[in-house]
């Protein structure tokens, strides 16, 4: 069974966090989306959240859980939300964040600020479980850093954050 990442960016404007909706991040081919890191990479997942960390890479300093001040996640919604596509009937949820948190398929809810991604020393080395010494840069690959460069164009590093979670 595979694991995938889900998430979105928020940008702080006039003291409020707003969802970033412009499709500027490369997805595949000519397609673009509004969030970074939207491909399956267990190396990236292990670095961003310790998920599928078979290499035993130290992860970045992320914050567990969703931010409390997210306008998008706290937005009231009235819709049926499927907690489990196979076993549970739909339930009425009151906020978008609650719907995500209560979905049995989702786990490892996190967020990280662009500042933490930019300030990290990717030239540091670590010893993986196979006894190989690698830099974080080698481990994560070029695509990871392409996303950070695009994120830097959006706003100040303290005013951009990535909110994300995983499914299995």
N, C-alpha and C. Protein backbone atom coordinates (compact mmCIF):
# COMPACT_ATOMS: atom_id res chain seq x y z
N UNK A 1 0.84 -1.17 0.00
CA UNK A 1 0.00 0.00 0.00
C UNK A 1 0.89 1.23 0.00
N UNK A 2 0.58 2.20 -0.84
CA UNK A 2 1.37 3.40 -0.94
C UNK A 2 0.92 4.48 0.02
N UNK A 3 1.73 5.48 0.13
CA UNK A 3 1.45 6.64 0.98
C UNK A 3 1.57 7.88 0.11
N UNK A 4 0.67 8.82 0.28
CA UNK A 4 0.70 10.07 -0.48
C UNK A 4 0.60 11.25 0.46
N UNK A 5 1.04 12.40 -0.04
CA UNK A 5 0.99 13.64 0.71
C UNK A 5 -0.17 14.49 0.19
N UNK A 6 -0.78 15.23 1.09
CA UNK A 6 -1.83 16.19 0.75
C UNK A 6 -1.48 17.48 1.46
N UNK A 7 -1.81 18.60 0.88
CA UNK A 7 -1.53 19.84 1.57
C UNK A 7 -1.84 21.07 0.75
N UNK A 8 -1.61 22.20 1.39
CA UNK A 8 -1.83 23.48 0.74
C UNK A 8 -0.93 24.52 1.41
N UNK A 9 -0.75 25.62 0.72
CA UNK A 9 0.03 26.74 1.25
C UNK A 9 -0.90 27.80 1.80
N UNK A 10 -0.41 28.49 2.82
CA UNK A 10 -1.08 29.68 3.30
C UNK A 10 -0.06 30.81 3.32
N UNK A 11 -0.57 32.02 3.03
CA UNK A 11 0.25 33.23 3.02
C UNK A 11 -0.40 34.22 3.99
N UNK A 12 0.43 34.82 4.84
CA UNK A 12 -0.10 35.81 5.79
C UNK A 12 -0.15 37.17 5.09
N UNK A 13 -1.37 37.74 5.09
CA UNK A 13 -1.59 39.07 4.51
C UNK A 13 -2.40 39.88 5.51
N UNK A 14 -1.88 41.02 5.88
CA UNK A 14 -2.56 41.90 6.84
C UNK A 14 -2.94 41.15 8.12
N UNK A 15 -2.04 40.29 8.57
CA UNK A 15 -2.24 39.58 9.83
C UNK A 15 -3.13 38.35 9.76
N UNK A 16 -3.66 38.03 8.57
CA UNK A 16 -4.53 36.86 8.41
C UNK A 16 -3.89 35.87 7.45
N UNK A 17 -4.07 34.58 7.74
CA UNK A 17 -3.55 33.53 6.86
C UNK A 17 -4.59 33.20 5.79
N UNK A 18 -4.17 33.31 4.53
CA UNK A 18 -5.05 33.03 3.40
C UNK A 18 -4.48 31.88 2.58
N UNK A 19 -5.37 31.07 2.04
CA UNK A 19 -4.94 29.95 1.19
C UNK A 19 -4.36 30.50 -0.10
N UNK A 20 -3.25 29.95 -0.51
CA UNK A 20 -2.63 30.31 -1.78
C UNK A 20 -3.25 29.42 -2.86
N UNK A 21 -3.83 30.03 -3.89
CA UNK A 21 -4.57 29.25 -4.88
C UNK A 21 -4.04 29.34 -6.31
N UNK A 22 -2.94 30.00 -6.49
CA UNK A 22 -2.39 30.17 -7.84
C UNK A 22 -1.63 28.90 -8.25
N UNK A 23 -1.91 28.38 -9.42
CA UNK A 23 -1.27 27.16 -9.91
C UNK A 23 0.10 27.48 -10.52
N UNK A 24 1.12 27.48 -9.66
CA UNK A 24 2.47 27.83 -10.12
C UNK A 24 3.48 26.72 -9.86
N UNK A 25 3.10 25.68 -9.13
CA UNK A 25 4.04 24.62 -8.81
C UNK A 25 3.98 23.50 -9.84
N UNK A 26 5.12 23.11 -10.39
CA UNK A 26 5.13 22.01 -11.37
C UNK A 26 4.57 20.73 -10.74
N UNK A 27 3.71 20.05 -11.49
CA UNK A 27 3.13 18.79 -11.02
C UNK A 27 3.71 17.66 -11.85
N UNK A 28 3.33 17.57 -13.10
CA UNK A 28 3.91 16.64 -14.05
C UNK A 28 3.54 17.11 -15.45
N UNK A 29 4.42 16.87 -16.38
CA UNK A 29 4.20 17.38 -17.73
C UNK A 29 4.05 18.88 -17.69
N UNK A 30 3.02 19.39 -18.34
CA UNK A 30 2.75 20.82 -18.32
C UNK A 30 1.80 21.23 -17.20
N UNK A 31 1.36 20.27 -16.42
CA UNK A 31 0.38 20.56 -15.36
C UNK A 31 1.05 21.25 -14.17
N UNK A 32 0.27 22.13 -13.56
CA UNK A 32 0.73 22.84 -12.37
C UNK A 32 -0.36 22.79 -11.31
N UNK A 33 0.04 23.01 -10.05
CA UNK A 33 -0.92 23.02 -8.96
C UNK A 33 -0.55 24.14 -7.99
N UNK A 34 -1.37 24.34 -6.97
CA UNK A 34 -1.19 25.46 -6.05
C UNK A 34 -0.40 25.10 -4.80
N UNK A 35 0.08 23.86 -4.69
CA UNK A 35 0.83 23.44 -3.50
C UNK A 35 2.14 22.76 -3.91
N UNK A 36 3.18 22.91 -3.11
CA UNK A 36 4.45 22.25 -3.41
C UNK A 36 4.44 20.79 -2.98
N UNK A 37 5.44 20.05 -3.42
CA UNK A 37 5.73 18.69 -2.93
C UNK A 37 4.62 17.68 -3.19
N UNK A 38 3.90 17.81 -4.27
CA UNK A 38 2.75 16.93 -4.52
C UNK A 38 3.11 15.72 -5.37
N UNK A 39 4.11 14.98 -4.95
CA UNK A 39 4.47 13.73 -5.59
C UNK A 39 4.90 12.76 -4.51
N UNK A 40 4.88 11.50 -4.84
CA UNK A 40 5.24 10.46 -3.88
C UNK A 40 6.75 10.32 -3.82
N UNK A 41 7.30 10.68 -2.66
CA UNK A 41 8.72 10.53 -2.41
C UNK A 41 8.89 10.21 -0.93
N UNK A 42 9.20 8.97 -0.64
CA UNK A 42 9.34 8.59 0.77
C UNK A 42 10.54 9.28 1.41
N UNK A 43 11.55 9.64 0.63
CA UNK A 43 12.65 10.42 1.18
C UNK A 43 12.12 11.78 1.66
N UNK A 44 11.33 12.42 0.82
CA UNK A 44 10.76 13.71 1.18
C UNK A 44 9.81 13.57 2.37
N UNK A 45 8.97 12.53 2.37
CA UNK A 45 8.02 12.33 3.46
C UNK A 45 8.75 12.14 4.78
N UNK A 46 9.85 11.40 4.75
CA UNK A 46 10.59 11.15 5.98
C UNK A 46 11.24 12.43 6.50
N UNK A 47 11.70 13.27 5.59
CA UNK A 47 12.32 14.54 5.99
C UNK A 47 11.27 15.51 6.52
N UNK A 48 10.12 15.60 5.86
CA UNK A 48 9.09 16.57 6.24
C UNK A 48 8.32 16.18 7.50
N UNK A 49 8.21 14.87 7.78
CA UNK A 49 7.36 14.48 8.91
C UNK A 49 7.75 13.17 9.58
N UNK A 50 8.84 12.55 9.18
CA UNK A 50 9.19 11.26 9.76
C UNK A 50 8.31 10.13 9.26
N UNK A 51 7.57 10.35 8.18
CA UNK A 51 6.65 9.35 7.62
C UNK A 51 7.41 8.47 6.63
N UNK A 52 7.22 7.16 6.73
CA UNK A 52 7.91 6.18 5.87
C UNK A 52 9.43 6.38 5.94
N UNK A 53 9.93 6.58 7.12
CA UNK A 53 11.33 6.92 7.32
C UNK A 53 12.20 5.67 7.43
N UNK A 54 12.30 4.94 6.35
CA UNK A 54 13.09 3.71 6.34
C UNK A 54 14.59 3.98 6.32
N UNK A 55 14.99 5.19 5.97
CA UNK A 55 16.42 5.53 5.95
C UNK A 55 16.89 6.09 7.28
N UNK A 56 15.95 6.35 8.19
CA UNK A 56 16.26 6.93 9.50
C UNK A 56 16.90 8.31 9.37
N UNK A 57 16.38 9.10 8.43
CA UNK A 57 16.87 10.47 8.24
C UNK A 57 16.29 11.35 9.34
N UNK A 58 17.10 12.24 9.92
CA UNK A 58 16.53 13.21 10.85
C UNK A 58 15.59 14.14 10.08
N UNK A 59 14.45 14.45 10.67
CA UNK A 59 13.49 15.29 9.94
C UNK A 59 13.64 16.76 10.34
N UNK A 60 13.07 17.60 9.47
CA UNK A 60 13.10 19.04 9.72
C UNK A 60 12.25 19.34 10.95
N UNK A 61 12.46 20.51 11.52
CA UNK A 61 11.70 20.94 12.69
C UNK A 61 10.32 21.42 12.23
N UNK A 62 9.37 20.49 12.11
CA UNK A 62 8.01 20.82 11.72
C UNK A 62 7.17 20.93 12.99
N UNK A 63 5.95 21.45 12.86
CA UNK A 63 5.02 21.52 13.97
C UNK A 63 3.94 20.48 13.76
N UNK A 64 3.74 19.64 14.75
CA UNK A 64 2.69 18.63 14.65
C UNK A 64 1.32 19.30 14.76
N UNK A 65 0.37 18.77 14.00
CA UNK A 65 -0.99 19.29 14.03
C UNK A 65 -1.18 20.45 13.08
N UNK A 66 -2.43 20.84 12.96
CA UNK A 66 -2.78 21.97 12.11
C UNK A 66 -2.67 23.27 12.91
N UNK A 67 -2.31 24.37 12.25
CA UNK A 67 -2.25 25.65 12.96
C UNK A 67 -3.66 26.10 13.36
N UNK A 68 -3.77 26.61 14.55
CA UNK A 68 -5.08 27.04 15.08
C UNK A 68 -5.63 28.28 14.38
N UNK A 69 -4.74 29.08 13.77
CA UNK A 69 -5.17 30.34 13.17
C UNK A 69 -5.41 30.26 11.66
N UNK A 70 -5.62 29.07 11.15
CA UNK A 70 -5.88 28.89 9.72
C UNK A 70 -7.33 29.22 9.39
N UNK A 71 -7.54 30.28 8.62
CA UNK A 71 -8.89 30.64 8.20
C UNK A 71 -9.54 29.51 7.39
N UNK A 72 -8.76 28.92 6.51
CA UNK A 72 -9.27 27.86 5.63
C UNK A 72 -9.73 26.64 6.41
N UNK A 73 -8.90 26.18 7.34
CA UNK A 73 -9.26 24.98 8.10
C UNK A 73 -10.39 25.23 9.08
N UNK A 74 -10.52 26.47 9.56
CA UNK A 74 -11.58 26.81 10.51
C UNK A 74 -12.86 27.28 9.84
N UNK A 75 -12.84 27.32 8.52
CA UNK A 75 -14.03 27.75 7.78
C UNK A 75 -15.17 26.76 8.01
N UNK A 76 -16.33 27.31 8.32
CA UNK A 76 -17.49 26.45 8.54
C UNK A 76 -17.98 25.91 7.21
N UNK A 77 -18.27 24.64 7.19
CA UNK A 77 -18.82 23.99 6.01
C UNK A 77 -19.97 23.10 6.45
N UNK A 78 -20.91 22.95 5.59
CA UNK A 78 -21.99 22.01 5.86
C UNK A 78 -22.01 21.04 4.70
N UNK A 79 -21.36 19.94 4.90
CA UNK A 79 -21.31 18.93 3.85
C UNK A 79 -21.13 17.57 4.49
N UNK A 80 -21.48 16.58 3.74
CA UNK A 80 -21.23 15.22 4.20
C UNK A 80 -19.79 14.88 3.93
N UNK A 81 -19.13 14.27 4.87
CA UNK A 81 -17.72 13.92 4.76
C UNK A 81 -17.61 12.44 5.02
N UNK A 82 -16.95 11.77 4.14
CA UNK A 82 -16.77 10.33 4.31
C UNK A 82 -15.54 10.07 5.16
N UNK A 83 -15.74 9.50 6.35
CA UNK A 83 -14.60 9.18 7.20
C UNK A 83 -13.87 7.97 6.65
N UNK A 84 -14.58 7.04 6.12
CA UNK A 84 -13.96 5.88 5.50
C UNK A 84 -14.84 5.50 4.33
N UNK A 85 -14.24 5.42 3.19
CA UNK A 85 -15.02 5.17 1.98
C UNK A 85 -15.69 3.80 1.99
N UNK A 86 -15.20 2.89 2.80
CA UNK A 86 -15.69 1.52 2.71
C UNK A 86 -16.61 1.11 3.85
N UNK A 87 -16.45 1.71 5.01
CA UNK A 87 -17.18 1.16 6.15
C UNK A 87 -18.11 2.12 6.85
N UNK A 88 -17.90 3.40 6.70
CA UNK A 88 -18.68 4.36 7.48
C UNK A 88 -19.64 5.16 6.61
N UNK A 89 -20.83 5.44 7.12
CA UNK A 89 -21.73 6.34 6.40
C UNK A 89 -21.21 7.77 6.51
N UNK A 90 -21.62 8.66 5.61
CA UNK A 90 -21.14 10.04 5.68
C UNK A 90 -21.66 10.74 6.94
N UNK A 91 -20.88 11.68 7.44
CA UNK A 91 -21.28 12.46 8.61
C UNK A 91 -21.25 13.94 8.24
N UNK A 92 -22.04 14.73 8.91
CA UNK A 92 -22.05 16.16 8.69
C UNK A 92 -20.92 16.77 9.50
N UNK A 93 -20.08 17.55 8.86
CA UNK A 93 -18.96 18.17 9.58
C UNK A 93 -19.23 19.66 9.72
N UNK A 94 -18.52 20.29 10.65
CA UNK A 94 -18.74 21.72 10.84
C UNK A 94 -17.59 22.59 10.35
N UNK A 95 -16.38 22.06 10.28
CA UNK A 95 -15.27 22.82 9.69
C UNK A 95 -14.48 21.92 8.75
N UNK A 96 -13.81 22.55 7.83
CA UNK A 96 -13.00 21.80 6.87
C UNK A 96 -11.90 21.02 7.60
N UNK A 97 -11.25 21.65 8.56
CA UNK A 97 -10.18 20.99 9.31
C UNK A 97 -10.67 19.76 10.05
N UNK A 98 -11.85 19.85 10.63
CA UNK A 98 -12.41 18.70 11.35
C UNK A 98 -12.64 17.54 10.39
N UNK A 99 -13.11 17.84 9.20
CA UNK A 99 -13.32 16.79 8.21
C UNK A 99 -12.04 16.05 7.86
N UNK A 100 -10.96 16.80 7.73
CA UNK A 100 -9.66 16.18 7.41
C UNK A 100 -9.16 15.37 8.60
N UNK A 101 -9.22 15.97 9.79
CA UNK A 101 -8.71 15.31 11.00
C UNK A 101 -9.46 14.03 11.33
N UNK A 102 -10.74 13.98 11.01
CA UNK A 102 -11.55 12.83 11.37
C UNK A 102 -11.60 11.75 10.30
N UNK A 103 -10.95 11.98 9.19
CA UNK A 103 -10.91 10.97 8.13
C UNK A 103 -9.93 9.88 8.54
N UNK A 104 -10.38 8.67 8.63
CA UNK A 104 -9.55 7.54 9.09
C UNK A 104 -8.35 7.26 8.18
N UNK A 105 -8.44 7.73 6.96
CA UNK A 105 -7.36 7.47 6.01
C UNK A 105 -6.18 8.41 6.17
N UNK A 106 -6.37 9.52 6.87
CA UNK A 106 -5.34 10.55 6.99
C UNK A 106 -4.59 10.44 8.31
N UNK A 107 -3.32 10.84 8.28
CA UNK A 107 -2.49 10.80 9.48
C UNK A 107 -1.34 11.80 9.36
N UNK A 108 -0.62 11.98 10.43
CA UNK A 108 0.60 12.80 10.48
C UNK A 108 0.35 14.22 10.00
N UNK A 109 -0.55 14.91 10.67
CA UNK A 109 -0.92 16.28 10.33
C UNK A 109 0.18 17.22 10.82
N UNK A 110 0.70 18.07 9.91
CA UNK A 110 1.85 18.91 10.23
C UNK A 110 1.76 20.25 9.50
N UNK A 111 2.62 21.15 9.92
CA UNK A 111 2.86 22.35 9.12
C UNK A 111 4.28 22.83 9.37
N UNK A 112 4.81 23.50 8.35
CA UNK A 112 6.18 24.01 8.41
C UNK A 112 6.21 25.36 7.71
N UNK A 113 6.99 26.26 8.28
CA UNK A 113 7.14 27.59 7.70
C UNK A 113 8.25 27.58 6.66
N UNK A 114 8.07 28.39 5.64
CA UNK A 114 9.08 28.50 4.60
C UNK A 114 10.43 28.88 5.20
N UNK A 115 10.44 29.68 6.23
CA UNK A 115 11.69 30.08 6.88
C UNK A 115 12.48 28.85 7.34
N UNK A 116 11.80 27.86 7.91
CA UNK A 116 12.48 26.65 8.37
C UNK A 116 13.04 25.85 7.20
N UNK A 117 12.30 25.83 6.09
CA UNK A 117 12.78 25.13 4.90
C UNK A 117 13.99 25.83 4.29
N UNK A 118 13.97 27.14 4.29
CA UNK A 118 15.07 27.92 3.70
C UNK A 118 16.31 27.89 4.59
N UNK A 119 16.12 27.98 5.90
CA UNK A 119 17.24 28.09 6.83
C UNK A 119 17.93 26.75 7.13
N UNK A 120 17.32 25.64 6.77
CA UNK A 120 17.91 24.34 7.07
C UNK A 120 19.23 24.17 6.32
N UNK A 121 20.21 23.55 6.95
CA UNK A 121 21.51 23.29 6.32
C UNK A 121 21.47 21.95 5.58
N UNK A 122 21.17 22.01 4.29
CA UNK A 122 21.02 20.80 3.48
C UNK A 122 22.35 20.17 3.09
N UNK A 123 23.44 20.84 3.41
CA UNK A 123 24.75 20.25 3.13
C UNK A 123 25.27 19.43 4.31
N UNK A 124 24.53 19.44 5.41
CA UNK A 124 24.88 18.56 6.53
C UNK A 124 24.72 17.12 6.08
N UNK A 125 25.46 16.24 6.72
CA UNK A 125 25.37 14.82 6.38
C UNK A 125 24.67 14.05 7.49
N UNK A 126 24.19 12.88 7.12
CA UNK A 126 23.62 11.95 8.09
C UNK A 126 23.97 10.54 7.63
N UNK A 127 23.93 9.61 8.54
CA UNK A 127 24.21 8.21 8.25
C UNK A 127 22.88 7.49 8.11
N UNK A 128 22.60 6.95 6.91
CA UNK A 128 21.33 6.25 6.73
C UNK A 128 21.44 4.82 7.25
N UNK A 129 20.34 4.11 7.23
CA UNK A 129 20.31 2.77 7.83
C UNK A 129 21.21 1.77 7.11
N UNK A 130 21.62 2.08 5.89
CA UNK A 130 22.50 1.18 5.13
C UNK A 130 23.97 1.48 5.38
N UNK A 131 24.23 2.45 6.27
CA UNK A 131 25.60 2.80 6.57
C UNK A 131 26.21 3.77 5.57
N UNK A 132 25.38 4.41 4.77
CA UNK A 132 25.84 5.37 3.77
C UNK A 132 25.73 6.78 4.32
N UNK A 133 26.78 7.57 4.14
CA UNK A 133 26.74 8.97 4.54
C UNK A 133 26.26 9.79 3.35
N UNK A 134 25.19 10.59 3.58
CA UNK A 134 24.61 11.41 2.52
C UNK A 134 24.37 12.80 3.05
N UNK A 135 24.35 13.77 2.14
CA UNK A 135 23.87 15.10 2.51
C UNK A 135 22.35 15.09 2.36
N UNK A 136 21.70 15.99 3.06
CA UNK A 136 20.26 16.12 2.91
C UNK A 136 19.92 16.51 1.47
N UNK A 137 20.77 17.31 0.87
CA UNK A 137 20.56 17.74 -0.52
C UNK A 137 20.54 16.54 -1.47
N UNK A 138 21.48 15.63 -1.30
CA UNK A 138 21.52 14.42 -2.13
C UNK A 138 20.28 13.55 -1.87
N UNK A 139 19.93 13.45 -0.61
CA UNK A 139 18.82 12.60 -0.20
C UNK A 139 17.48 13.09 -0.75
N UNK A 140 17.28 14.40 -0.77
CA UNK A 140 15.99 14.96 -1.17
C UNK A 140 15.84 15.15 -2.67
N UNK A 141 16.91 15.41 -3.36
CA UNK A 141 16.83 15.56 -4.81
C UNK A 141 16.47 16.97 -5.25
N UNK A 142 16.76 17.25 -6.50
CA UNK A 142 16.62 18.58 -7.08
C UNK A 142 15.20 19.12 -7.04
N UNK A 143 14.20 18.27 -7.27
CA UNK A 143 12.81 18.72 -7.30
C UNK A 143 12.36 19.37 -6.00
N UNK A 144 12.86 18.88 -4.88
CA UNK A 144 12.53 19.44 -3.58
C UNK A 144 12.95 20.91 -3.52
N UNK A 145 14.14 21.19 -3.98
CA UNK A 145 14.68 22.56 -3.93
C UNK A 145 14.04 23.47 -4.97
N UNK A 146 13.59 22.90 -6.06
CA UNK A 146 12.83 23.68 -7.04
C UNK A 146 11.56 24.23 -6.40
N UNK A 147 10.90 23.42 -5.57
CA UNK A 147 9.68 23.85 -4.89
C UNK A 147 9.97 25.00 -3.92
N UNK A 148 11.06 24.90 -3.20
CA UNK A 148 11.42 25.96 -2.25
C UNK A 148 11.67 27.26 -2.99
N UNK A 149 12.32 27.20 -4.14
CA UNK A 149 12.57 28.42 -4.91
C UNK A 149 11.26 29.07 -5.36
N UNK A 150 10.30 28.27 -5.77
CA UNK A 150 9.00 28.81 -6.17
C UNK A 150 8.29 29.42 -4.95
N UNK A 151 8.37 28.75 -3.82
CA UNK A 151 7.74 29.26 -2.60
C UNK A 151 8.31 30.62 -2.19
N UNK A 152 9.60 30.81 -2.41
CA UNK A 152 10.25 32.07 -2.02
C UNK A 152 9.72 33.25 -2.83
N UNK A 153 9.15 32.99 -3.99
CA UNK A 153 8.59 34.06 -4.82
C UNK A 153 7.23 34.53 -4.30
N UNK A 154 6.61 33.75 -3.42
CA UNK A 154 5.26 34.03 -2.95
C UNK A 154 5.23 35.11 -1.88
N UNK A 155 6.21 35.09 -0.99
CA UNK A 155 6.21 36.07 0.09
C UNK A 155 7.38 35.88 1.03
N UNK A 156 7.40 36.69 2.06
CA UNK A 156 8.42 36.63 3.10
C UNK A 156 8.44 35.22 3.70
N UNK A 157 9.61 34.73 4.03
CA UNK A 157 9.74 33.34 4.50
C UNK A 157 8.98 33.08 5.80
N UNK A 158 8.71 34.12 6.58
CA UNK A 158 7.94 33.95 7.82
C UNK A 158 6.44 34.05 7.57
N UNK A 159 6.06 34.43 6.35
CA UNK A 159 4.65 34.63 6.03
C UNK A 159 4.11 33.60 5.04
N UNK A 160 4.85 32.53 4.86
CA UNK A 160 4.40 31.44 3.98
C UNK A 160 4.57 30.14 4.76
N UNK A 161 3.51 29.34 4.78
CA UNK A 161 3.61 28.04 5.46
C UNK A 161 2.92 26.97 4.64
N UNK A 162 3.43 25.76 4.80
CA UNK A 162 2.89 24.58 4.12
C UNK A 162 2.20 23.73 5.18
N UNK A 163 0.93 23.46 4.97
CA UNK A 163 0.13 22.61 5.87
C UNK A 163 -0.09 21.30 5.13
N UNK A 164 0.21 20.17 5.78
CA UNK A 164 0.19 18.91 5.06
C UNK A 164 -0.14 17.73 5.97
N UNK A 165 -0.54 16.65 5.30
CA UNK A 165 -0.87 15.39 5.98
C UNK A 165 -0.69 14.27 4.97
N UNK A 166 -0.86 13.06 5.42
CA UNK A 166 -0.57 11.89 4.59
C UNK A 166 -1.73 10.91 4.64
N UNK A 167 -1.77 10.02 3.65
CA UNK A 167 -2.72 8.91 3.67
C UNK A 167 -2.00 7.62 3.31
N UNK A 168 -2.60 6.53 3.67
CA UNK A 168 -2.08 5.19 3.29
C UNK A 168 -3.17 4.45 2.58
